[in-house]
């Protein structure tokens, strides 16, 4: 028997779609339904450009990274001419992954039957296939995936029909090019799993309503914002401009201002969200992409990248300082983790009834309306 909140008619979202002063939050099925989760994968993750890392993570010819993204095995490589490639990490014979983890190699060899591939994914050897009629090694390869870069960041796209990355990311380019991420290096990369729906992570990151309560002892007292600083985008994304201290225990930029932001105030703070799962924080001293990958309707993986100006990595105290930034990030995440995992617990209960929104939840209101229109209502129409 289905729970009441697992399948609701489209008009059950009517409260969310009201103007903000009259709006309510979304029902539990938005966060706890396996059907809604699959609709998100199909509509968002199989169609949009996805952030998968930094170019410097593949700095040398032969470097590779592997990952499993929403159930799809992917390998990203840098070839001998330093060009980046993305392919499905599946042997063209039976589908076994040909690479694991990350490292440096000249070629990939399937551990099952020994088929070998170069760094572009082209088949270079397939033993005992000469007698297979019509088999042409030249036309056999790892299936390619679209790849492009933006200011030192790598994106892939599973769909051949999606617009080019430059068009897809045009709003981010307009709003956040000034952060100079192409002049930065990766300082910290934090990877962890949370027992919650992936959307709750991004909602929490755009929910400034909770900052002065939950984060009162960490960074909440150094945080100023208003709805006037929220710029809503037509595609469901948004940019937010506010004031906040650098992300350190004392609120000081331990590595100084980013050189190209010397004329900006120490309280500079901005945040962007781009569908489906890319949140970017900018501060006077660093830029921090937050990526949240769905693992199931109630579990996700969060990856956080700390980017700092390349020149600060020559400092003798760099490793110690990067650790301070890392530990402070984990402290703040720890404060959020308990809350959003508690939210997830509520989403699958019979007793949960969504409450009214505060007018301070303008970003969440916009995010949810975009999500309902693109995914949930569209999915319901397809079922009719």
Foldseek 3Di string as FASTA:
>chain_A
DDFPQQDDDLCQLVQLVDPQVRHFDDALNCQPHQVLVVLCCVQFVQADKDWDWFLVCAVAAQKKAWDQFLNFTKMWGQHPVRDIWMFGQAALPGGAGQDDGIDGDQWTFRPPQGFIAGRNFQTDDGPPCPPPPPDDSRPGGGGTWAWDDDLRTIITHNDPPHDDPCVQCVVCCVVPVLLNLNQWDWLDKDKDKAQTALVLVVLVVLQPVCLCPLVVQAWSVFWFADPVQWAADPLLKIKGWTFTAPLFRVSHQPLDFQVSCVVPDRRTWMWIDHPDFWIWIDGRFWIKIWGWGDPGSGMIMIIITTIGRPVSVPDPCSNVVSVRSVVSVVVVVVSVRVVRNVVRVLSPDSPDDIGRDDPSSVSVSSNVVSSSVRGVVVVVVVVD
